[in-house]
Amino acid sequence: MKEVLHFGAGNIGRGFIGALFSESGYHVTFVDIADEIIQQLNEQKSYQVKLATSTQESTAISNVSGLNNLKQADEVVEAITGAEFLTTAIGPTILPRIAPLIARGLTKRVEQSDAKLYIIACENQIGATDILKQHIVEHLSEDTKQKMEGKIYFFNSAVDRIVPIQENKGSLDVLVEPYYEWVVETTETLPSITGMKIVAELAPYIERKLFTVNTGHAVIAYLGYLAGKSTIDKTLADESIETQVRQTLNETGDYLVHQYRLNHEEHLAYIQKIIERFKNPYLHDGVTRVARAPIRKLGPEDRLVRPAVEAHKAGLAYTNLAKAIAAALLFNFEEDEEAIKLQAMIQEKGVATVLQEISGLEENGEITREVIKHYEALKN
């Protein structure tokens, strides 16, 4: 049977990427440090992916197993030597941590086999596979790098599927929204994988997704948190917040249409489709889950700051994005480590300095001044 090694046995890994490979006839080996999940995968060898609909349609995912990369490093290395695909869904910040182990596997693989291996990081991050490759290459000899030519391929991708926090502790089953999109950038001919779309240029797809789905999700969450809402769908039931979200996505949309010459009417329809997805009441998607890690989400290349900067460069409106950034700065959820750290930074240094440090914005720049205006208004 064809093999795929997938780093990340969490809900997204099991409910999205791993599930698609299983449905495509692959044996999926999940790699993770979560002992309980790895043990369950090896014992049960299957689980259910349930759709967040009124009828909760379910698909059985089989031919799966697990490895603990901390305790079974040698087994992971061996698995890399025989896999056709190596994928990840672990979060961009974790990619550097798995790179040394992957490098060990690739070093062994190219000595034993000329078979092709396709590596795809399926993360909410522009150029995530490039980032992973950079960290892997740091641990490779010049000889291995040369032997990898024509054998090991790295492809960037864009992924889109809402997977909320699960309410079935102890179970491998995963609840996911019906909609999904997985776009991979390559001109190579790849084995056919259910749900994988191949494109020659990824940038329009990944930015459209990041600056519509991720931006929209974040805006709902941060405004919903300030309004005392519990879930994403309940937040959007507030007409004033839905209007604010739509205005923000119109700003990101104007940038996307300008940058990639998208069809304006088609993109407005895409925005509407995304907002309707967020309204799904069967997801029970918590506001604090979506809002978590505000420092990362306020990064210079992420969902709020990057489109604001690009809109400003293009002479387009960004005031609603500035308001969203301000709302993110006010996320003070005490159970989120980054939120606590962010509030301490603001208290110590002030908003302008914090925006310079974590978002790369000029302390006295136009965007920063606009953000501070909204910050004071929302705070009061």
Protein backbone atom coordinates (compact mmCIF):
# COMPACT_ATOMS: atom_id res chain seq x y z
CA MET A 1 0.00 0.00 0.00
CA LYS A 2 1.14 3.55 -0.73
CA GLU A 3 2.41 5.41 2.33
CA VAL A 4 2.08 8.98 3.61
CA LEU A 5 3.76 10.31 6.74
CA HIS A 6 1.78 13.12 8.33
CA PHE A 7 3.22 15.24 11.16
CA GLY A 8 0.38 16.34 13.43
CA ALA A 9 -2.27 13.92 14.71
CA GLY A 10 -4.52 16.70 15.95
CA ASN A 11 -8.01 17.48 14.74
CA ILE A 12 -6.91 19.17 11.50
CA GLY A 13 -4.47 16.39 10.66
CA ARG A 14 -7.02 13.65 11.27
CA GLY A 15 -10.07 15.54 10.04
CA PHE A 16 -8.63 17.03 6.88
CA ILE A 17 -5.27 16.10 5.31
CA GLY A 18 -4.91 12.61 6.78
CA ALA A 19 -8.52 11.82 5.94
CA LEU A 20 -8.07 12.81 2.28
CA PHE A 21 -5.02 10.56 1.92
CA SER A 22 -6.85 7.65 3.53
CA GLU A 23 -9.76 8.15 1.13
CA SER A 24 -7.20 8.13 -1.71
CA GLY A 25 -6.00 4.62 -0.81
CA TYR A 26 -2.93 5.52 1.28
CA HIS A 27 -1.85 4.15 4.61
CA VAL A 28 -1.45 7.22 6.83
CA THR A 29 1.14 7.21 9.61
CA PHE A 30 0.49 10.12 11.95
CA VAL A 31 3.52 11.50 13.80
CA ASP A 32 2.91 13.34 17.06
CA ILE A 33 4.03 13.61 20.68
CA ALA A 34 0.51 13.04 22.05
CA ASP A 35 0.86 9.55 23.53
CA GLU A 36 -2.84 8.93 24.04
CA ILE A 37 -3.76 9.75 20.43
CA ILE A 38 -0.87 7.69 19.02
CA GLN A 39 -1.87 4.72 21.16
CA GLN A 40 -5.50 5.00 20.08
CA LEU A 41 -4.52 5.18 16.40
CA ASN A 42 -2.46 2.00 16.73
CA GLU A 43 -5.17 0.16 18.63
CA GLN A 44 -8.26 1.27 16.69
CA LYS A 45 -6.67 1.83 13.26
CA SER A 46 -9.71 3.90 12.25
CA TYR A 47 -11.95 6.80 13.26
CA GLN A 48 -14.92 8.82 11.97
CA VAL A 49 -14.92 12.26 10.33
CA LYS A 50 -18.31 13.87 10.96
CA LEU A 51 -19.68 16.86 9.07
CA ALA A 52 -21.06 19.84 11.00
CA THR A 53 -24.55 19.66 9.48
CA SER A 54 -28.02 18.92 10.82
CA THR A 55 -27.62 15.22 9.91
CA GLN A 56 -23.91 14.90 10.81
CA GLU A 57 -22.97 12.67 7.87
CA SER A 58 -19.97 10.52 8.76
CA THR A 59 -17.04 8.99 6.85
CA ALA A 60 -14.96 6.10 8.21
CA ILE A 61 -11.21 6.76 7.93
CA SER A 62 -9.13 3.56 8.03
CA ASN A 63 -5.57 2.35 7.29
CA VAL A 64 -4.07 4.68 9.90
CA SER A 65 -1.40 4.28 12.57
CA GLY A 66 0.80 6.50 14.72
CA LEU A 67 4.38 7.15 15.81
CA ASN A 68 5.68 9.27 18.67
CA ASN A 69 8.53 11.35 17.24
CA LEU A 70 10.11 11.84 20.66
CA LYS A 71 10.09 8.16 21.63
CA GLN A 72 10.23 6.51 18.20
CA ALA A 73 12.60 8.70 16.22
CA ASP A 74 14.25 5.75 14.48
CA GLU A 75 10.86 4.43 13.36
CA VAL A 76 9.98 7.87 11.96
CA VAL A 77 13.26 7.94 10.03
CA GLU A 78 12.48 4.50 8.62
CA ALA A 79 8.96 5.60 7.66
CA ILE A 80 10.38 8.57 5.75
CA THR A 81 12.45 6.20 3.63
CA GLY A 82 9.31 4.47 2.34
CA ALA A 83 6.74 7.27 2.08
CA GLU A 84 5.44 8.86 -1.13
CA PHE A 85 4.20 12.01 0.63
CA LEU A 86 5.32 13.78 3.80
CA THR A 87 2.83 16.38 5.04
CA THR A 88 2.36 18.53 8.13
CA ALA A 89 -0.48 20.23 10.02
CA ILE A 90 1.20 21.18 13.29
CA GLY A 91 1.35 24.98 13.27
CA PRO A 92 4.08 27.09 11.61
CA THR A 93 6.02 27.64 14.84
CA ILE A 94 6.57 23.88 15.28
CA LEU A 95 8.12 23.33 11.82
CA PRO A 96 11.71 24.07 12.98
CA ARG A 97 11.38 21.43 15.71
CA ILE A 98 10.59 18.56 13.33
CA ALA A 99 13.17 19.60 10.69
CA PRO A 100 16.19 17.75 12.22
CA LEU A 101 14.29 14.45 12.32
CA ILE A 102 13.04 14.86 8.76
CA ALA A 103 16.60 15.66 7.69
CA ARG A 104 17.75 12.35 9.23
CA GLY A 105 15.07 10.52 7.28
CA LEU A 106 15.93 12.22 3.99
CA THR A 107 19.63 11.49 4.46
CA LYS A 108 18.89 7.80 4.85
CA ARG A 109 16.28 7.76 2.09
CA VAL A 110 18.45 9.19 -0.70
CA GLU A 111 21.11 6.58 0.08
CA GLN A 112 18.59 3.77 -0.37
CA SER A 113 16.10 4.92 -2.98
CA ASP A 114 15.60 7.00 -6.11
CA ALA A 115 11.83 7.14 -5.55
CA LYS A 116 10.24 10.57 -5.42
CA LEU A 117 9.04 12.06 -2.12
CA TYR A 118 6.67 15.03 -2.08
CA ILE A 119 6.85 17.27 1.02
CA ILE A 120 3.94 19.66 1.69
CA ALA A 121 3.46 21.78 4.81
CA CYS A 122 -0.29 22.31 5.18
CA GLU A 123 -0.26 25.33 7.47
CA ASN A 124 -1.97 28.74 7.71
CA GLN A 125 1.23 30.46 6.68
CA ILE A 126 2.42 31.92 3.38
CA GLY A 127 5.36 29.83 2.12
CA ALA A 128 5.14 27.28 4.95
CA THR A 129 6.85 24.55 2.93
CA ASP A 130 9.66 26.94 2.03
CA ILE A 131 10.10 27.63 5.74
CA LEU A 132 10.19 23.91 6.53
CA LYS A 133 12.66 23.27 3.70
CA GLN A 134 14.96 26.02 4.96
CA HIS A 135 15.12 24.42 8.41
CA ILE A 136 15.59 20.92 6.99
CA VAL A 137 18.44 21.98 4.69
CA GLU A 138 20.33 23.41 7.69
CA HIS A 139 20.74 19.82 8.92
CA LEU A 140 21.82 18.23 5.62
CA SER A 141 25.29 17.57 4.24
CA GLU A 142 26.27 18.90 0.82
CA ASP A 143 26.34 15.32 -0.45
CA THR A 144 22.73 14.70 0.67
CA LYS A 145 21.57 17.97 -0.86
CA GLN A 146 23.00 16.91 -4.22
CA LYS A 147 21.47 13.44 -4.01
CA MET A 148 18.05 14.97 -3.28
CA GLU A 149 17.89 16.62 -6.71
CA GLY A 150 15.09 15.07 -8.75
CA LYS A 151 14.05 12.89 -5.81
CA ILE A 152 12.77 15.15 -3.02
CA TYR A 153 10.25 17.84 -3.90
CA PHE A 154 8.93 20.67 -1.70
CA PHE A 155 5.58 22.24 -2.62
CA ASN A 156 3.82 25.16 -0.97
CA SER A 157 0.10 24.86 -0.36
CA ALA A 158 -3.01 26.66 0.87
CA VAL A 159 -5.48 24.87 3.14
CA ASP A 160 -8.96 25.85 4.23
CA ARG A 161 -11.28 23.93 6.52
CA ILE A 162 -12.81 24.98 9.82
CA VAL A 163 -12.16 22.38 12.52
CA PRO A 164 -13.51 23.60 15.87
CA ILE A 165 -12.47 22.46 19.33
CA GLN A 166 -13.95 19.00 19.77
CA GLU A 167 -16.39 18.08 22.52
CA ASN A 168 -15.72 14.33 22.45
CA LYS A 169 -12.69 13.96 24.71
CA GLY A 170 -11.03 10.57 24.48
CA SER A 171 -12.32 9.92 20.95
CA LEU A 172 -10.40 10.01 17.67
CA ASP A 173 -13.54 11.11 15.80
CA VAL A 174 -13.43 14.65 14.40
CA LEU A 175 -16.18 17.16 13.63
CA VAL A 176 -15.41 19.35 10.59
CA GLU A 177 -17.28 21.77 8.37
CA PRO A 178 -18.42 20.33 4.99
CA TYR A 179 -16.43 22.87 2.93
CA TYR A 180 -12.70 22.45 2.33
CA GLU A 181 -10.02 23.58 -0.10
CA TRP A 182 -6.48 22.25 -0.52
CA VAL A 183 -4.39 23.91 -3.24
CA VAL A 184 -0.82 22.79 -4.02
CA GLU A 185 1.64 24.78 -6.11
CA THR A 186 3.61 22.75 -8.65
CA THR A 187 4.07 22.07 -12.34
CA GLU A 188 4.98 18.44 -11.59
CA THR A 189 2.54 15.62 -12.28
CA LEU A 190 1.56 14.21 -8.88
CA PRO A 191 -0.29 11.05 -7.90
CA SER A 192 -4.03 11.72 -7.75
CA ILE A 193 -5.16 12.68 -4.23
CA THR A 194 -8.83 13.25 -3.37
CA GLY A 195 -9.47 16.96 -2.81
CA MET A 196 -6.00 18.19 -3.86
CA LYS A 197 -6.05 20.97 -6.46
CA ILE A 198 -2.83 21.60 -8.40
CA VAL A 199 -2.00 25.13 -9.57
CA ALA A 200 1.08 26.69 -11.19
CA GLU A 201 0.88 29.86 -9.04
CA LEU A 202 -0.31 29.67 -5.45
CA ALA A 203 -0.08 33.33 -4.36
CA PRO A 204 -3.58 34.39 -5.51
CA TYR A 205 -5.15 31.36 -3.79
CA ILE A 206 -3.26 31.53 -0.51
CA GLU A 207 -3.67 35.29 -0.12
CA ARG A 208 -7.35 35.12 -1.07
CA LYS A 209 -7.82 32.46 1.59
CA LEU A 210 -5.66 34.06 4.29
CA PHE A 211 -7.05 37.56 3.82
CA THR A 212 -10.67 36.45 3.56
CA VAL A 213 -11.11 33.33 5.68
CA ASN A 214 -8.39 33.94 8.30
CA THR A 215 -8.88 37.69 8.40
CA GLY A 216 -12.64 37.32 8.63
CA HIS A 217 -12.41 34.67 11.33
CA ALA A 218 -10.06 36.84 13.39
CA VAL A 219 -12.19 39.97 13.06
CA ILE A 220 -15.30 38.08 14.21
CA ALA A 221 -13.40 36.58 17.14
CA TYR A 222 -11.79 39.78 18.43
CA LEU A 223 -14.94 41.87 18.05
CA GLY A 224 -17.00 39.02 19.49
CA TYR A 225 -14.71 38.78 22.50
CA LEU A 226 -15.08 42.50 23.22
CA ALA A 227 -18.86 42.11 22.89
CA GLY A 228 -18.96 39.16 25.29
CA LYS A 229 -20.05 36.60 22.66
CA SER A 230 -19.30 32.90 23.11
CA THR A 231 -19.23 31.47 19.58
CA ILE A 232 -18.52 32.65 16.04
CA ASP A 233 -22.06 32.08 14.78
CA LYS A 234 -23.59 33.94 17.74
CA THR A 235 -21.20 36.82 17.13
CA LEU A 236 -22.31 37.11 13.50
CA ALA A 237 -25.93 37.18 14.65
CA ASP A 238 -25.09 40.72 15.81
CA GLU A 239 -25.82 42.77 12.68
CA SER A 240 -23.39 45.52 13.61
CA ILE A 241 -20.52 43.02 13.89
CA GLU A 242 -21.47 41.31 10.63
CA THR A 243 -21.42 44.71 8.94
CA GLN A 244 -17.98 45.43 10.42
CA VAL A 245 -16.67 42.06 9.22
CA ARG A 246 -18.02 42.62 5.73
CA GLN A 247 -16.47 46.10 5.56
CA THR A 248 -13.12 44.67 6.64
CA LEU A 249 -13.27 41.93 4.01
CA ASN A 250 -14.20 44.50 1.40
CA GLU A 251 -10.89 46.22 2.23
CA THR A 252 -8.87 43.03 1.91
CA GLY A 253 -10.89 42.27 -1.22
CA ASP A 254 -9.98 45.60 -2.81
CA TYR A 255 -6.30 44.78 -2.24
CA LEU A 256 -6.69 41.25 -3.67
CA VAL A 257 -8.56 42.48 -6.74
CA HIS A 258 -5.90 45.17 -7.25
CA GLN A 259 -2.96 42.82 -6.72
CA TYR A 260 -4.13 39.74 -8.64
CA ARG A 261 -6.69 41.23 -11.02
CA LEU A 262 -9.45 39.08 -9.60
CA ASN A 263 -12.97 39.53 -10.88
CA HIS A 264 -14.57 41.98 -8.43
CA GLU A 265 -18.08 40.48 -8.53
CA GLU A 266 -16.74 36.95 -8.18
CA HIS A 267 -14.69 37.98 -5.16
CA LEU A 268 -17.70 39.63 -3.51
CA ALA A 269 -19.53 36.31 -3.98
CA TYR A 270 -16.55 34.53 -2.38
CA ILE A 271 -16.74 36.88 0.63
CA GLN A 272 -20.45 36.14 0.99
CA LYS A 273 -19.76 32.40 0.82
CA ILE A 274 -17.14 32.68 3.58
CA ILE A 275 -19.45 34.68 5.85
CA GLU A 276 -22.18 32.06 5.41
CA ARG A 277 -19.66 29.37 6.40
CA PHE A 278 -18.89 31.26 9.60
CA LYS A 279 -22.61 31.28 10.45
CA ASN A 280 -22.75 27.47 10.65
CA PRO A 281 -24.37 26.84 14.09
CA TYR A 282 -23.32 23.17 14.11
CA LEU A 283 -19.64 24.07 14.45
CA HIS A 284 -20.03 25.59 17.94
CA ASP A 285 -16.77 27.39 17.18
CA GLY A 286 -15.61 29.24 20.27
CA VAL A 287 -14.58 32.90 20.06
CA THR A 288 -11.59 32.39 22.35
CA ARG A 289 -10.37 29.43 20.26
CA VAL A 290 -10.31 31.50 17.09
CA ALA A 291 -8.85 34.56 18.84
CA ARG A 292 -6.00 32.70 20.56
CA ALA A 293 -2.33 33.53 19.89
CA PRO A 294 -2.83 37.24 19.15
CA ILE A 295 0.91 37.99 18.93
CA ARG A 296 1.29 35.51 16.07
CA LYS A 297 -1.85 36.81 14.39
CA LEU A 298 -0.54 40.37 14.62
CA GLY A 299 2.68 39.37 12.84
CA PRO A 300 3.85 41.43 9.84
CA GLU A 301 2.99 38.67 7.35
CA ASP A 302 -0.24 37.54 8.98
CA ARG A 303 -3.97 38.07 8.46
CA LEU A 304 -4.47 41.58 9.86
CA VAL A 305 -1.27 43.57 9.47
CA ARG A 306 -0.14 42.34 6.04
CA PRO A 307 -3.36 43.30 4.19
CA ALA A 308 -3.44 46.66 6.00
CA VAL A 309 0.14 47.39 4.92
CA GLU A 310 -0.48 46.29 1.34
CA ALA A 311 -3.70 48.32 1.14
CA HIS A 312 -1.84 51.38 2.44
CA LYS A 313 0.92 50.90 -0.16
CA ALA A 314 -1.68 50.68 -2.92
CA GLY A 315 -3.50 53.80 -1.74
CA LEU A 316 -6.55 51.78 -0.68
CA ALA A 317 -8.68 52.02 2.45
CA TYR A 318 -7.56 50.16 5.58
CA THR A 319 -9.46 51.81 8.45
CA ASN A 320 -11.53 48.69 9.20
CA LEU A 321 -8.39 46.57 9.24
CA ALA A 322 -6.88 49.07 11.67
CA LYS A 323 -9.93 48.63 13.89
CA ALA A 324 -9.50 44.84 13.73
CA ILE A 325 -5.84 45.20 14.76
CA ALA A 326 -6.96 47.40 17.67
CA ALA A 327 -9.50 44.78 18.75
CA ALA A 328 -6.77 42.11 18.67
CA LEU A 329 -4.60 44.28 20.92
CA LEU A 330 -7.45 44.28 23.45
CA PHE A 331 -7.76 40.48 23.60
CA ASN A 332 -6.91 39.86 27.26
CA PHE A 333 -8.21 36.31 27.73
CA GLU A 334 -6.46 35.04 30.84
CA GLU A 335 -6.24 31.43 29.64
CA ASP A 336 -4.22 32.36 26.54
CA GLU A 337 -0.47 32.68 27.12
CA GLU A 338 0.09 35.07 24.22
CA ALA A 339 -2.81 37.28 25.29
CA ILE A 340 -1.31 37.65 28.77
CA LYS A 341 2.12 38.42 27.30
CA LEU A 342 0.65 40.94 24.86
CA GLN A 343 -1.17 42.84 27.61
CA ALA A 344 2.01 42.98 29.70
CA MET A 345 3.94 44.35 26.71
CA ILE A 346 1.32 47.04 26.08
CA GLN A 347 1.29 48.06 29.73
CA GLU A 348 5.07 48.31 29.82
CA LYS A 349 5.83 49.85 26.42
CA GLY A 350 2.62 51.27 24.96
CA VAL A 351 0.70 50.35 21.81
CA ALA A 352 2.96 52.10 19.28
CA THR A 353 6.14 50.35 20.46
CA VAL A 354 4.37 46.98 20.63
CA LEU A 355 3.11 47.38 17.06
CA GLN A 356 6.66 48.14 15.95
CA GLU A 357 8.06 45.10 17.75
CA ILE A 358 5.49 42.45 16.84
CA SER A 359 3.91 43.85 13.66
CA GLY A 360 6.80 45.72 12.04
CA LEU A 361 4.77 48.96 11.86
CA GLU A 362 6.43 52.35 12.22
CA GLU A 363 5.77 53.83 15.66
CA ASN A 364 4.54 57.09 14.20
CA GLY A 365 3.30 55.69 10.90
CA GLU A 366 -0.17 56.30 9.46
CA ILE A 367 -1.38 52.76 10.14
CA THR A 368 -0.17 52.87 13.74
CA ARG A 369 -1.91 56.19 14.33
CA GLU A 370 -5.13 54.79 12.88
CA VAL A 371 -4.88 51.67 15.04
CA ILE A 372 -4.31 53.72 18.21
CA LYS A 373 -7.37 55.87 17.42
CA HIS A 374 -9.54 52.73 17.24
CA TYR A 375 -7.79 51.18 20.23
CA GLU A 376 -8.71 54.12 22.46
CA ALA A 377 -12.30 54.14 21.16
CA LEU A 378 -12.78 50.39 21.70
CA LYS A 379 -11.07 50.47 25.08
CA ASN A 380 -13.40 53.20 26.29
